[in-house]
C-alpha atoms as a PDB file:
ATOM      1  CA  MET A   1     -23.703  10.322  33.053  1.00  0.00           C
ATOM      2  CA  SER A   2     -21.755  13.493  33.695  1.00  0.00           C
ATOM      3  CA  GLY A   3     -19.256  12.398  31.078  1.00  0.00           C
ATOM      4  CA  TRP A   4     -21.956  12.081  28.442  1.00  0.00           C
ATOM      5  CA  THR A   5     -23.490  15.373  29.564  1.00  0.00           C
ATOM      6  CA  SER A   6     -20.244  17.277  29.135  1.00  0.00           C
ATOM      7  CA  PHE A   7     -19.547  15.523  25.819  1.00  0.00           C
ATOM      8  CA  THR A   8     -23.010  16.392  24.525  1.00  0.00           C
ATOM      9  CA  ARG A   9     -22.544  20.006  25.589  1.00  0.00           C
ATOM     10  CA  ASP A  10     -19.216  20.262  23.750  1.00  0.00           C
ATOM     11  CA  LEU A  11     -20.677  18.481  20.752  1.00  0.00           C
ATOM     12  CA  LEU A  12     -23.547  20.948  20.488  1.00  0.00           C
ATOM     13  CA  GLU A  13     -21.167  23.885  20.857  1.00  0.00           C
ATOM     14  CA  GLN A  14     -18.974  22.634  18.032  1.00  0.00           C
ATOM     15  CA  MET A  15     -21.807  21.283  15.900  1.00  0.00           C
ATOM     16  CA  PRO A  16     -21.601  24.072  13.266  1.00  0.00           C
ATOM     17  CA  LEU A  17     -17.894  23.341  12.719  1.00  0.00           C
ATOM     18  CA  ILE A  18     -18.500  19.588  12.652  1.00  0.00           C
ATOM     19  CA  LEU A  19     -21.302  19.933  10.102  1.00  0.00           C
ATOM     20  CA  ALA A  20     -19.125  22.216   7.982  1.00  0.00           C
ATOM     21  CA  GLY A  21     -16.373  19.601   8.136  1.00  0.00           C
ATOM     22  CA  LEU A  22     -18.828  16.878   7.173  1.00  0.00           C
ATOM     23  CA  LEU A  23     -19.909  18.920   4.169  1.00  0.00           C
ATOM     24  CA  LYS A  24     -16.281  19.329   3.107  1.00  0.00           C
ATOM     25  CA  THR A  25     -15.759  15.575   3.440  1.00  0.00           C
ATOM     26  CA  VAL A  26     -18.780  14.807   1.255  1.00  0.00           C
ATOM     27  CA  GLN A  27     -17.699  17.429  -1.281  1.00  0.00           C
ATOM     28  CA  LEU A  28     -14.152  16.079  -1.479  1.00  0.00           C
ATOM     29  CA  ALA A  29     -15.309  12.472  -1.782  1.00  0.00           C
ATOM     30  CA  GLY A  30     -17.827  13.419  -4.474  1.00  0.00           C
ATOM     31  CA  LEU A  31     -15.374  15.493  -6.483  1.00  0.00           C
ATOM     32  CA  ILE A  32     -12.575  12.924  -6.442  1.00  0.00           C
ATOM     33  CA  SER A  33     -15.033  10.181  -7.364  1.00  0.00           C
ATOM     34  CA  ILE A  34     -16.067  12.136 -10.459  1.00  0.00           C
ATOM     35  CA  SER A  35     -12.594  13.363 -11.436  1.00  0.00           C
ATOM     36  CA  GLY A  36     -11.068   9.969 -10.677  1.00  0.00           C
ATOM     37  CA  LEU A  37     -13.627   8.253 -12.889  1.00  0.00           C
ATOM     38  CA  LEU A  38     -13.152  10.677 -15.795  1.00  0.00           C
ATOM     39  CA  LEU A  39      -9.366  10.488 -15.644  1.00  0.00           C
ATOM     40  CA  GLY A  40      -9.603   6.734 -15.163  1.00  0.00           C
ATOM     41  CA  ILE A  41     -11.555   6.438 -18.415  1.00  0.00           C
ATOM     42  CA  VAL A  42      -8.866   8.423 -20.229  1.00  0.00           C
ATOM     43  CA  VAL A  43      -6.112   6.271 -18.720  1.00  0.00           C
ATOM     44  CA  PHE A  44      -8.013   3.103 -19.637  1.00  0.00           C
ATOM     45  CA  TYR A  45      -8.395   4.343 -23.210  1.00  0.00           C
ATOM     46  CA  LEU A  46      -4.662   4.913 -23.428  1.00  0.00           C
ATOM     47  CA  THR A  47      -3.995   1.330 -22.301  1.00  0.00           C
ATOM     48  CA  LEU A  48      -5.689   0.225 -25.537  1.00  0.00           C
ATOM     49  CA  SER A  49      -3.368   2.292 -27.717  1.00  0.00           C
ATOM     50  CA  LYS A  50      -1.523   0.564 -30.552  1.00  0.00           C
ATOM     51  CA  SER A  51       1.640   2.384 -29.496  1.00  0.00           C
ATOM     52  CA  HIS A  52       3.884   0.345 -27.205  1.00  0.00           C
ATOM     53  CA  ILE A  53       5.270   3.550 -25.718  1.00  0.00           C
ATOM     54  CA  VAL A  54       1.818   4.881 -24.813  1.00  0.00           C
ATOM     55  CA  ARG A  55       0.696   1.542 -23.380  1.00  0.00           C
ATOM     56  CA  ASN A  56       3.847   1.038 -21.348  1.00  0.00           C
ATOM     57  CA  THR A  57       3.757   4.612 -20.032  1.00  0.00           C
ATOM     58  CA  THR A  58       0.099   4.271 -19.076  1.00  0.00           C
ATOM     59  CA  ASN A  59       0.632   0.922 -17.365  1.00  0.00           C
ATOM     60  CA  ALA A  60       3.559   2.464 -15.487  1.00  0.00           C
ATOM     61  CA  TYR A  61       1.246   5.260 -14.314  1.00  0.00           C
ATOM     62  CA  ILE A  62      -1.275   2.715 -13.048  1.00  0.00           C
ATOM     63  CA  SER A  63       1.370   0.652 -11.271  1.00  0.00           C
ATOM     64  CA  PHE A  64       2.988   3.719  -9.723  1.00  0.00           C
ATOM     65  CA  PHE A  65      -0.147   5.241  -8.235  1.00  0.00           C
ATOM     66  CA  ILE A  66      -1.585   1.910  -7.094  1.00  0.00           C
ATOM     67  CA  GLY A  67       1.729   1.029  -5.466  1.00  0.00           C
ATOM     68  CA  MET A  68       2.306   4.464  -3.917  1.00  0.00           C
ATOM     69  CA  PRO A  69       0.668   4.806  -0.462  1.00  0.00           C
ATOM     70  CA  LEU A  70      -1.785   7.672  -0.726  1.00  0.00           C
ATOM     71  CA  ILE A  71      -0.566   9.361   2.437  1.00  0.00           C
ATOM     72  CA  VAL A  72       2.996   9.397   1.061  1.00  0.00           C
ATOM     73  CA  LEU A  73       1.772  11.040  -2.132  1.00  0.00           C
ATOM     74  CA  LEU A  74      -0.145  13.700  -0.193  1.00  0.00           C
ATOM     75  CA  PHE A  75       2.853  14.395   2.058  1.00  0.00           C
ATOM     76  CA  LEU A  76       5.168  14.679  -0.950  1.00  0.00           C
ATOM     77  CA  MET A  77       2.871  17.255  -2.515  1.00  0.00           C
ATOM     78  CA  TYR A  78       1.977  19.234   0.602  1.00  0.00           C
ATOM     79  CA  TYR A  79       5.215  19.147   2.608  1.00  0.00           C
ATOM     80  CA  GLY A  80       7.720  18.343  -0.148  1.00  0.00           C
ATOM     81  CA  LEU A  81       6.791  20.674  -3.007  1.00  0.00           C
ATOM     82  CA  PRO A  82       7.304  23.891  -0.969  1.00  0.00           C
ATOM     83  CA  SER A  83      11.041  23.114  -0.942  1.00  0.00           C
ATOM     84  CA  TRP A  84      10.842  23.506  -4.733  1.00  0.00           C
ATOM     85  CA  GLY A  85       8.914  26.740  -4.440  1.00  0.00           C
ATOM     86  CA  VAL A  86       5.525  25.178  -5.142  1.00  0.00           C
ATOM     87  CA  ARG A  87       2.882  25.781  -2.487  1.00  0.00           C
ATOM     88  CA  LEU A  88      -0.602  24.344  -2.896  1.00  0.00           C
ATOM     89  CA  SER A  89      -3.631  24.642  -0.629  1.00  0.00           C
ATOM     90  CA  PRO A  90      -4.684  21.559   1.366  1.00  0.00           C
ATOM     91  CA  PHE A  91      -7.773  21.142  -0.813  1.00  0.00           C
ATOM     92  CA  THR A  92      -5.755  21.370  -4.043  1.00  0.00           C
ATOM     93  CA  VAL A  93      -3.275  18.782  -2.800  1.00  0.00           C
ATOM     94  CA  ALA A  94      -6.072  16.466  -1.662  1.00  0.00           C
ATOM     95  CA  PHE A  95      -7.997  16.861  -4.922  1.00  0.00           C
ATOM     96  CA  ILE A  96      -4.997  16.268  -7.198  1.00  0.00           C
ATOM     97  CA  GLY A  97      -3.472  13.484  -5.112  1.00  0.00           C
ATOM     98  CA  PHE A  98      -6.719  11.590  -4.679  1.00  0.00           C
ATOM     99  CA  THR A  99      -7.667  12.051  -8.345  1.00  0.00           C
ATOM    100  CA  PHE A 100      -4.409  10.537  -9.618  1.00  0.00           C
ATOM    101  CA  ASN A 101      -4.707   7.671  -7.155  1.00  0.00           C
ATOM    102  CA  VAL A 102      -8.391   6.933  -7.793  1.00  0.00           C
ATOM    103  CA  ALA A 103      -7.940   7.180 -11.574  1.00  0.00           C
ATOM    104  CA  ALA A 104      -5.281   4.463 -11.477  1.00  0.00           C
ATOM    105  CA  TYR A 105      -7.595   2.099  -9.602  1.00  0.00           C
ATOM    106  CA  ASN A 106     -10.573   2.869 -11.844  1.00  0.00           C
ATOM    107  CA  ALA A 107      -8.487   2.325 -14.973  1.00  0.00           C
ATOM    108  CA  ALA A 108      -7.402  -1.056 -13.594  1.00  0.00           C
ATOM    109  CA  TYR A 109     -11.047  -2.017 -12.943  1.00  0.00           C
ATOM    110  CA  LEU A 110     -12.067  -1.023 -16.464  1.00  0.00           C
ATOM    111  CA  LYS A 111      -9.103  -2.880 -17.979  1.00  0.00           C
ATOM    112  CA  THR A 112     -10.082  -6.033 -16.085  1.00  0.00           C
ATOM    113  CA  ALA A 113     -13.632  -5.762 -17.390  1.00  0.00           C
ATOM    114  CA  PHE A 114     -12.331  -5.199 -20.918  1.00  0.00           C
ATOM    115  CA  ASN A 115     -10.320  -8.414 -20.752  1.00  0.00           C
ATOM    116  CA  GLY A 116     -13.577 -10.277 -20.217  1.00  0.00           C
ATOM    117  CA  LEU A 117     -15.341  -8.857 -23.271  1.00  0.00           C
ATOM    118  CA  ASP A 118     -16.110 -10.890 -26.372  1.00  0.00           C
ATOM    119  CA  LYS A 119     -13.548  -9.446 -28.793  1.00  0.00           C
ATOM    120  CA  SER A 120     -15.465 -10.668 -31.858  1.00  0.00           C
ATOM    121  CA  GLN A 121     -17.846  -7.712 -31.586  1.00  0.00           C
ATOM    122  CA  LEU A 122     -14.878  -5.330 -31.722  1.00  0.00           C
ATOM    123  CA  GLU A 123     -13.598  -7.069 -34.836  1.00  0.00           C
ATOM    124  CA  ALA A 124     -17.059  -6.814 -36.384  1.00  0.00           C
ATOM    125  CA  ALA A 125     -17.119  -3.077 -35.659  1.00  0.00           C
ATOM    126  CA  ARG A 126     -13.751  -2.621 -37.337  1.00  0.00           C
ATOM    127  CA  ALA A 127     -14.991  -4.557 -40.365  1.00  0.00           C
ATOM    128  CA  GLN A 128     -17.933  -2.165 -40.635  1.00  0.00           C
ATOM    129  CA  GLY A 129     -15.619   0.834 -40.751  1.00  0.00           C
ATOM    130  CA  PHE A 130     -15.741   2.089 -37.149  1.00  0.00           C
ATOM    131  CA  ASN A 131     -12.604   3.966 -36.135  1.00  0.00           C
ATOM    132  CA  PRO A 132     -10.896   3.184 -32.778  1.00  0.00           C
ATOM    133  CA  LEU A 133     -12.504   6.136 -30.980  1.00  0.00           C
ATOM    134  CA  GLN A 134     -15.983   5.183 -32.179  1.00  0.00           C
ATOM    135  CA  ILE A 135     -15.452   1.576 -31.125  1.00  0.00           C
ATOM    136  CA  PHE A 136     -14.331   2.750 -27.699  1.00  0.00           C
ATOM    137  CA  ARG A 137     -17.191   5.220 -27.286  1.00  0.00           C
ATOM    138  CA  TYR A 138     -20.095   3.130 -28.541  1.00  0.00           C
ATOM    139  CA  ILE A 139     -19.060  -0.466 -27.846  1.00  0.00           C
ATOM    140  CA  THR A 140     -16.183  -0.832 -25.397  1.00  0.00           C
ATOM    141  CA  LEU A 141     -16.840   1.866 -22.800  1.00  0.00           C
ATOM    142  CA  PRO A 142     -20.578   1.230 -22.228  1.00  0.00           C
ATOM    143  CA  GLN A 143     -19.940  -2.467 -21.616  1.00  0.00           C
ATOM    144  CA  VAL A 144     -16.901  -2.148 -19.379  1.00  0.00           C
ATOM    145  CA  MET A 145     -18.639   0.548 -17.345  1.00  0.00           C
ATOM    146  CA  ARG A 146     -21.597  -1.741 -16.705  1.00  0.00           C
ATOM    147  CA  LEU A 147     -19.384  -4.716 -15.915  1.00  0.00           C
ATOM    148  CA  SER A 148     -17.335  -2.568 -13.522  1.00  0.00           C
ATOM    149  CA  ILE A 149     -20.259  -1.168 -11.530  1.00  0.00           C
ATOM    150  CA  PRO A 150     -19.516  -3.222  -8.367  1.00  0.00           C
ATOM    151  CA  ALA A 151     -15.819  -2.278  -8.381  1.00  0.00           C
ATOM    152  CA  LEU A 152     -16.459   1.378  -9.225  1.00  0.00           C
ATOM    153  CA  THR A 153     -19.062   1.787  -6.502  1.00  0.00           C
ATOM    154  CA  ASN A 154     -16.759   0.122  -3.981  1.00  0.00           C
ATOM    155  CA  GLN A 155     -14.141   2.689  -5.009  1.00  0.00           C
ATOM    156  CA  VAL A 156     -16.570   5.497  -4.195  1.00  0.00           C
ATOM    157  CA  ILE A 157     -16.971   4.022  -0.721  1.00  0.00           C
ATOM    158  CA  ALA A 158     -13.191   3.819  -0.376  1.00  0.00           C
ATOM    159  CA  ASN A 159     -12.933   7.464  -1.465  1.00  0.00           C
ATOM    160  CA  LEU A 160     -15.242   8.529   1.342  1.00  0.00           C
ATOM    161  CA  LYS A 161     -13.335   6.565   3.963  1.00  0.00           C
ATOM    162  CA  ASP A 162      -9.898   7.520   2.666  1.00  0.00           C
ATOM    163  CA  SER A 163     -10.818  11.209   2.698  1.00  0.00           C
ATOM    164  CA  SER A 164     -10.337  11.076   6.468  1.00  0.00           C
ATOM    165  CA  ILE A 165      -6.541  11.153   6.012  1.00  0.00           C
ATOM    166  CA  ALA A 166      -6.785  14.613   4.428  1.00  0.00           C
ATOM    167  CA  PHE A 167      -6.706  16.133   7.931  1.00  0.00           C
ATOM    168  CA  LEU A 168      -3.009  15.179   8.027  1.00  0.00           C
ATOM    169  CA  ILE A 169      -2.325  17.877   5.425  1.00  0.00           C
ATOM    170  CA  GLN A 170      -4.331  20.495   7.338  1.00  0.00           C
ATOM    171  CA  TYR A 171      -7.563  20.038   5.398  1.00  0.00           C
ATOM    172  CA  THR A 172     -10.279  20.678   7.969  1.00  0.00           C
ATOM    173  CA  GLU A 173     -12.753  18.015   6.946  1.00  0.00           C
ATOM    174  CA  PHE A 174     -15.064  16.019   9.221  1.00  0.00           C
ATOM    175  CA  PHE A 175     -12.454  13.882  10.950  1.00  0.00           C
ATOM    176  CA  ALA A 176     -10.314  16.938  11.669  1.00  0.00           C
ATOM    177  CA  ARG A 177     -13.279  18.523  13.454  1.00  0.00           C
ATOM    178  CA  VAL A 178     -13.851  15.317  15.418  1.00  0.00           C
ATOM    179  CA  GLN A 179     -10.210  15.459  16.464  1.00  0.00           C
ATOM    180  CA  GLU A 180     -10.766  18.995  17.742  1.00  0.00           C
ATOM    181  CA  LEU A 181     -13.855  17.831  19.644  1.00  0.00           C
ATOM    182  CA  ALA A 182     -11.896  14.998  21.250  1.00  0.00           C
ATOM    183  CA  ALA A 183      -9.068  17.352  22.202  1.00  0.00           C
ATOM    184  CA  THR A 184     -11.552  19.683  23.886  1.00  0.00           C
ATOM    185  CA  ASN A 185     -12.779  17.217  26.505  1.00  0.00           C
ATOM    186  CA  PHE A 186     -10.353  14.271  26.119  1.00  0.00           C
ATOM    187  CA  GLN A 187     -13.297  11.913  25.642  1.00  0.00           C
ATOM    188  CA  PHE A 188     -11.674  10.253  22.664  1.00  0.00           C
ATOM    189  CA  PHE A 189     -13.784   7.091  22.676  1.00  0.00           C
ATOM    190  CA  LYS A 190     -17.047   9.004  22.451  1.00  0.00           C
ATOM    191  CA  ALA A 191     -15.756  11.321  19.743  1.00  0.00           C
ATOM    192  CA  TYR A 192     -14.363   8.528  17.583  1.00  0.00           C
ATOM    193  CA  LEU A 193     -17.465   6.414  18.135  1.00  0.00           C
ATOM    194  CA  LEU A 194     -19.534   9.323  16.829  1.00  0.00           C
ATOM    195  CA  ALA A 195     -17.251   9.572  13.776  1.00  0.00           C
ATOM    196  CA  ALA A 196     -17.521   5.831  13.143  1.00  0.00           C
ATOM    197  CA  LEU A 197     -21.320   5.921  13.265  1.00  0.00           C
ATOM    198  CA  ILE A 198     -21.533   8.851  10.870  1.00  0.00           C
ATOM    199  CA  TYR A 199     -19.110   7.241   8.405  1.00  0.00           C
ATOM    200  CA  LEU A 200     -21.132   4.035   8.674  1.00  0.00           C
ATOM    201  CA  ALA A 201     -24.347   5.927   7.885  1.00  0.00           C
ATOM    202  CA  LEU A 202     -22.768   7.595   4.842  1.00  0.00           C
ATOM    203  CA  VAL A 203     -21.329   4.318   3.565  1.00  0.00           C
ATOM    204  CA  SER A 204     -24.696   2.612   4.047  1.00  0.00           C
ATOM    205  CA  ALA A 205     -26.378   5.309   1.952  1.00  0.00           C
ATOM    206  CA  ILE A 206     -23.804   4.816  -0.824  1.00  0.00           C
ATOM    207  CA  VAL A 207     -24.244   1.029  -0.685  1.00  0.00           C
ATOM    208  CA  LEU A 208     -28.030   1.297  -1.034  1.00  0.00           C
ATOM    209  CA  PHE A 209     -27.667   3.680  -3.977  1.00  0.00           C
ATOM    210  CA  ALA A 210     -25.014   1.463  -5.578  1.00  0.00           C
ATOM    211  CA  ARG A 211     -27.126  -1.674  -5.242  1.00  0.00           C
ATOM    212  CA  ALA A 212     -29.992   0.082  -7.015  1.00  0.00           C
ATOM    213  CA  ILE A 213     -27.659   0.980  -9.893  1.00  0.00           C
ATOM    214  CA  GLU A 214     -26.302  -2.568 -10.055  1.00  0.00           C
ATOM    215  CA  ARG A 215     -29.797  -4.065 -10.275  1.00  0.00           C
ATOM    216  CA  ARG A 216     -30.631  -1.754 -13.174  1.00  0.00           C
ATOM    217  CA  TYR A 217     -27.440  -1.810 -15.212  1.00  0.00           C
ATOM    218  CA  PHE A 218     -25.267  -4.742 -14.135  1.00  0.00           C
ATOM    219  CA  ILE A 219     -24.590  -7.337 -16.829  1.00  0.00           C
ATOM    220  CA  PRO A 220     -24.414 -10.891 -15.409  1.00  0.00           C
ATOM    221  CA  VAL A 221     -21.242 -12.759 -16.422  1.00  0.00           C
END
């Protein structure tokens, strides 16, 4: 019991830092989920371009960022760019790196949903005089967004979990604070168990919220 007593004492002492780190984790995950979705919509739109150059460039972007390990991208930006005279804060690196990565995945989800649409409705819209942007805004995007709800919400969950690697570029989020707690008393199992339970609670909250959205907006296929 003495081990748990000392761990609890250290936990309470560092609780303000841990809660601040948890807030930074939630903020980062929320921001990259929003920015990654918005950029993903733009990237998806570009994949529908009539220009072969635009389509090929966009598909190359998707393939590159899906194929590039996220940690490698973050290290390139945080530890590599300074050699070129470019120094970015840990948050800036995390936000930009995650956004590019998440956008590629979201664009791929939307493209997959688009491939399952009935194209006759798009042809009917063109026949009625809708321009490509109007077709995308009023017909294509609403449907692919609804069809992609399960994949997009799973991506939000992945964003929360993946945010834990940001501590490797000196971003003091929740997991970084847990690392500090573990280093204080060397009770690594207890510290990491606490982190696992908190991540599980956050993921469970996202899953419950996502299921409610799916029941309301999901289109059966």
